[in-house]
């Protein structure tokens, strides 16, 4: 195995990536969705955020060794919005 391929495989093994969908309530405009996105970006371990507004669903890819859905929800609730898990899936 070439060195670069081996390094890539080792890095992928170190990151335990999971995805969670959260239903967010309390957002009334695109500015609200930006506020929620910024709050989530500040959580250590968040890799990618896809927030639908309108629709109020955030799909968040995160490193499960660094954060949990409970911590993501806490970050959202800290800025006065509500969030609940829609469903949690593992990448295929």
N, C-alpha and C. Protein backbone atom coordinates (compact mmCIF):
# COMPACT_ATOMS: atom_id res chain seq x y z
N UNK A 1 0.84 -1.18 0.00
CA UNK A 1 0.00 0.00 0.00
C UNK A 1 0.88 1.24 0.00
N UNK A 2 0.63 2.18 -0.92
CA UNK A 2 1.41 3.43 -0.94
C UNK A 2 1.22 4.20 0.37
N UNK A 3 2.25 4.95 0.73
CA UNK A 3 2.23 5.69 1.99
C UNK A 3 1.03 6.62 2.10
N UNK A 4 0.74 7.39 1.04
CA UNK A 4 -0.36 8.35 1.11
C UNK A 4 -1.69 7.64 1.33
N UNK A 5 -1.88 6.48 0.72
CA UNK A 5 -3.12 5.72 0.90
C UNK A 5 -3.23 5.19 2.32
N UNK A 6 -2.11 4.74 2.88
CA UNK A 6 -2.09 4.23 4.24
C UNK A 6 -2.43 5.35 5.22
N UNK A 7 -1.85 6.53 5.03
CA UNK A 7 -2.12 7.67 5.90
C UNK A 7 -3.59 8.04 5.84
N UNK A 8 -4.17 8.06 4.66
CA UNK A 8 -5.57 8.40 4.50
C UNK A 8 -6.45 7.41 5.26
N UNK A 9 -6.14 6.13 5.17
CA UNK A 9 -6.89 5.09 5.85
C UNK A 9 -6.78 5.24 7.36
N UNK A 10 -5.59 5.54 7.86
CA UNK A 10 -5.41 5.72 9.30
C UNK A 10 -6.19 6.93 9.80
N UNK A 11 -6.19 8.02 9.05
CA UNK A 11 -6.93 9.21 9.46
C UNK A 11 -8.43 8.92 9.48
N UNK A 12 -8.92 8.20 8.50
CA UNK A 12 -10.35 7.87 8.45
C UNK A 12 -10.73 7.00 9.65
N UNK A 13 -9.83 6.13 10.07
CA UNK A 13 -10.11 5.26 11.21
C UNK A 13 -10.14 6.05 12.52
N UNK A 14 -9.39 7.14 12.58
CA UNK A 14 -9.32 7.93 13.80
C UNK A 14 -10.58 8.77 14.01
N UNK A 15 -11.26 9.15 12.95
CA UNK A 15 -12.45 9.98 13.05
C UNK A 15 -13.67 9.07 13.03
N UNK A 16 -14.45 9.12 14.09
CA UNK A 16 -15.65 8.31 14.19
C UNK A 16 -16.84 9.18 13.79
N UNK A 17 -17.05 9.32 12.48
CA UNK A 17 -18.06 10.22 11.95
C UNK A 17 -19.46 9.63 12.04
N UNK A 18 -20.37 10.43 12.57
CA UNK A 18 -21.78 10.07 12.61
C UNK A 18 -22.58 11.24 12.09
N UNK A 19 -23.83 10.98 11.76
CA UNK A 19 -24.72 12.03 11.28
C UNK A 19 -25.99 12.00 12.12
N UNK A 20 -26.47 13.18 12.47
CA UNK A 20 -27.73 13.29 13.22
C UNK A 20 -28.59 14.36 12.55
N UNK A 21 -29.91 14.11 12.54
CA UNK A 21 -30.85 15.11 12.04
C UNK A 21 -31.58 15.69 13.23
N UNK A 22 -31.61 17.01 13.30
CA UNK A 22 -32.31 17.69 14.38
C UNK A 22 -33.42 18.57 13.82
N UNK A 23 -34.58 18.47 14.43
CA UNK A 23 -35.70 19.38 14.11
C UNK A 23 -35.54 20.58 15.03
N UNK A 24 -35.42 21.75 14.45
CA UNK A 24 -35.19 22.97 15.23
C UNK A 24 -36.45 23.83 15.20
N UNK A 25 -36.87 24.26 16.38
CA UNK A 25 -38.05 25.13 16.44
C UNK A 25 -37.64 26.47 17.02
N UNK A 26 -38.36 27.51 16.56
CA UNK A 26 -38.09 28.86 17.04
C UNK A 26 -37.44 29.75 15.99
N UNK A 27 -37.04 29.16 14.86
CA UNK A 27 -36.44 29.97 13.81
C UNK A 27 -37.55 30.65 13.01
N UNK A 28 -37.42 31.96 12.81
CA UNK A 28 -38.45 32.70 12.08
C UNK A 28 -37.93 33.36 10.80
N UNK A 29 -36.62 33.26 10.56
CA UNK A 29 -36.06 33.89 9.36
C UNK A 29 -34.71 33.25 9.02
N UNK A 30 -34.16 33.64 7.87
CA UNK A 30 -32.85 33.13 7.45
C UNK A 30 -31.77 33.56 8.43
N UNK A 31 -31.93 34.72 9.06
CA UNK A 31 -30.97 35.18 10.06
C UNK A 31 -30.91 34.22 11.24
N UNK A 32 -32.07 33.69 11.62
CA UNK A 32 -32.12 32.70 12.72
C UNK A 32 -31.32 31.45 12.33
N UNK A 33 -31.50 31.00 11.09
CA UNK A 33 -30.79 29.80 10.66
C UNK A 33 -29.29 30.04 10.64
N UNK A 34 -28.86 31.25 10.28
CA UNK A 34 -27.43 31.60 10.33
C UNK A 34 -26.92 31.59 11.77
N UNK A 35 -27.74 32.07 12.70
CA UNK A 35 -27.37 32.11 14.11
C UNK A 35 -27.17 30.67 14.63
N UNK A 36 -28.09 29.78 14.27
CA UNK A 36 -27.99 28.37 14.69
C UNK A 36 -26.75 27.72 14.06
N UNK A 37 -26.52 27.99 12.79
CA UNK A 37 -25.35 27.42 12.10
C UNK A 37 -24.06 27.86 12.79
N UNK A 38 -23.96 29.13 13.14
CA UNK A 38 -22.76 29.64 13.82
C UNK A 38 -22.57 28.97 15.18
N UNK A 39 -23.65 28.78 15.90
CA UNK A 39 -23.56 28.13 17.22
C UNK A 39 -23.05 26.70 17.07
N UNK A 40 -23.52 26.01 16.04
CA UNK A 40 -23.09 24.62 15.82
C UNK A 40 -21.64 24.56 15.36
N UNK A 41 -21.20 25.54 14.56
CA UNK A 41 -19.81 25.57 14.10
C UNK A 41 -18.84 25.71 15.26
N UNK A 42 -19.30 26.31 16.35
CA UNK A 42 -18.45 26.51 17.53
C UNK A 42 -18.32 25.26 18.39
N UNK A 43 -19.09 24.21 18.09
CA UNK A 43 -19.00 22.97 18.86
C UNK A 43 -17.84 22.14 18.31
N UNK A 44 -16.90 21.79 19.19
CA UNK A 44 -15.76 20.98 18.78
C UNK A 44 -16.25 19.62 18.30
N UNK A 45 -15.80 19.21 17.12
CA UNK A 45 -16.18 17.91 16.58
C UNK A 45 -17.18 18.00 15.45
N UNK A 46 -17.79 19.16 15.24
CA UNK A 46 -18.74 19.33 14.14
C UNK A 46 -17.95 19.40 12.84
N UNK A 47 -18.32 18.56 11.89
CA UNK A 47 -17.61 18.47 10.62
C UNK A 47 -18.36 19.22 9.52
N UNK A 48 -19.68 19.01 9.46
CA UNK A 48 -20.48 19.60 8.38
C UNK A 48 -21.89 19.87 8.88
N UNK A 49 -22.46 20.99 8.47
CA UNK A 49 -23.82 21.36 8.85
C UNK A 49 -24.62 21.67 7.59
N UNK A 50 -25.78 21.06 7.47
CA UNK A 50 -26.71 21.37 6.38
C UNK A 50 -28.03 21.74 7.04
N UNK A 51 -28.33 23.04 7.09
CA UNK A 51 -29.52 23.51 7.78
C UNK A 51 -30.54 24.00 6.76
N UNK A 52 -31.72 23.40 6.79
CA UNK A 52 -32.79 23.79 5.86
C UNK A 52 -33.70 24.81 6.54
N UNK A 53 -33.83 25.97 5.90
CA UNK A 53 -34.83 26.94 6.33
C UNK A 53 -35.46 27.52 5.09
N UNK A 54 -36.78 27.48 4.92
CA UNK A 54 -37.72 26.84 5.83
C UNK A 54 -37.60 25.32 5.80
N UNK A 55 -38.17 24.69 6.75
CA UNK A 55 -38.05 23.25 6.91
C UNK A 55 -37.55 22.94 8.31
N UNK A 56 -36.64 23.78 8.77
CA UNK A 56 -36.15 23.72 10.15
C UNK A 56 -35.52 22.39 10.54
N UNK A 57 -34.83 21.77 9.60
CA UNK A 57 -34.12 20.52 9.89
C UNK A 57 -32.63 20.73 9.63
N UNK A 58 -31.83 20.38 10.63
CA UNK A 58 -30.38 20.46 10.50
C UNK A 58 -29.82 19.05 10.41
N UNK A 59 -29.03 18.79 9.39
CA UNK A 59 -28.32 17.52 9.28
C UNK A 59 -26.87 17.84 9.62
N UNK A 60 -26.39 17.20 10.68
CA UNK A 60 -25.07 17.54 11.20
C UNK A 60 -24.18 16.31 11.19
N UNK A 61 -23.03 16.45 10.54
CA UNK A 61 -22.01 15.40 10.55
C UNK A 61 -21.03 15.78 11.64
N UNK A 62 -20.71 14.82 12.52
CA UNK A 62 -19.84 15.13 13.65
C UNK A 62 -18.95 13.95 14.01
N UNK A 63 -17.89 14.25 14.75
CA UNK A 63 -16.97 13.24 15.26
C UNK A 63 -17.50 12.82 16.63
N UNK A 64 -17.97 11.57 16.72
CA UNK A 64 -18.60 11.12 17.96
C UNK A 64 -17.62 10.95 19.12
N UNK A 65 -16.31 11.06 18.82
CA UNK A 65 -15.33 11.03 19.91
C UNK A 65 -15.20 12.40 20.57
N UNK A 66 -15.68 13.46 19.88
CA UNK A 66 -15.53 14.82 20.38
C UNK A 66 -16.83 15.44 20.86
N UNK A 67 -17.98 14.99 20.34
CA UNK A 67 -19.26 15.58 20.72
C UNK A 67 -20.37 14.56 20.60
N UNK A 68 -21.54 14.92 21.09
CA UNK A 68 -22.71 14.04 21.05
C UNK A 68 -23.92 14.85 20.59
N UNK A 69 -24.98 14.17 20.15
CA UNK A 69 -26.19 14.90 19.80
C UNK A 69 -26.71 15.74 20.97
N UNK A 70 -26.56 15.23 22.18
CA UNK A 70 -27.00 15.97 23.37
C UNK A 70 -26.26 17.31 23.48
N UNK A 71 -24.96 17.32 23.19
CA UNK A 71 -24.18 18.56 23.24
C UNK A 71 -24.56 19.51 22.11
N UNK A 72 -24.90 18.95 20.94
CA UNK A 72 -25.34 19.78 19.81
C UNK A 72 -26.66 20.46 20.16
N UNK A 73 -27.58 19.70 20.76
CA UNK A 73 -28.87 20.26 21.17
C UNK A 73 -28.65 21.34 22.23
N UNK A 74 -27.75 21.10 23.17
CA UNK A 74 -27.45 22.08 24.22
C UNK A 74 -26.93 23.39 23.62
N UNK A 75 -26.09 23.30 22.58
CA UNK A 75 -25.56 24.50 21.93
C UNK A 75 -26.69 25.30 21.27
N UNK A 76 -27.66 24.60 20.70
CA UNK A 76 -28.80 25.27 20.06
C UNK A 76 -29.70 25.90 21.13
N UNK A 77 -29.94 25.15 22.20
CA UNK A 77 -30.82 25.66 23.26
C UNK A 77 -30.19 26.84 24.01
N UNK A 78 -28.87 26.88 24.02
CA UNK A 78 -28.15 27.98 24.69
C UNK A 78 -28.45 29.32 24.01
N UNK A 79 -28.78 29.28 22.72
CA UNK A 79 -29.10 30.52 22.00
C UNK A 79 -30.62 30.67 21.80
N UNK A 80 -31.38 30.00 22.68
CA UNK A 80 -32.84 30.16 22.77
C UNK A 80 -33.66 29.57 21.63
N UNK A 81 -33.19 28.49 21.04
CA UNK A 81 -34.00 27.72 20.10
C UNK A 81 -34.17 26.34 20.71
N UNK A 82 -35.11 25.57 20.19
CA UNK A 82 -35.31 24.21 20.67
C UNK A 82 -34.90 23.24 19.56
N UNK A 83 -34.42 22.06 19.97
CA UNK A 83 -34.02 21.06 18.99
C UNK A 83 -34.32 19.67 19.54
N UNK A 84 -34.69 18.77 18.63
CA UNK A 84 -34.89 17.38 19.00
C UNK A 84 -34.41 16.49 17.86
N UNK A 85 -33.99 15.29 18.20
CA UNK A 85 -33.47 14.37 17.20
C UNK A 85 -34.62 13.83 16.35
N UNK A 86 -34.44 13.90 15.02
CA UNK A 86 -35.40 13.33 14.09
C UNK A 86 -35.07 11.86 13.91
N UNK A 87 -33.82 11.58 13.57
CA UNK A 87 -33.30 10.22 13.53
C UNK A 87 -31.80 10.28 13.44
N UNK A 88 -31.14 9.23 13.85
CA UNK A 88 -29.68 9.21 13.85
C UNK A 88 -29.24 8.06 12.95
N UNK A 89 -28.33 8.36 12.03
CA UNK A 89 -27.85 7.32 11.12
C UNK A 89 -26.34 7.28 11.10
N UNK A 90 -25.82 6.13 10.74
CA UNK A 90 -24.37 5.98 10.56
C UNK A 90 -24.08 6.02 9.07
N UNK A 91 -22.93 6.58 8.69
CA UNK A 91 -22.58 6.60 7.27
C UNK A 91 -22.39 5.18 6.74
N UNK A 92 -22.73 5.00 5.46
CA UNK A 92 -22.63 3.66 4.86
C UNK A 92 -21.24 3.39 4.36
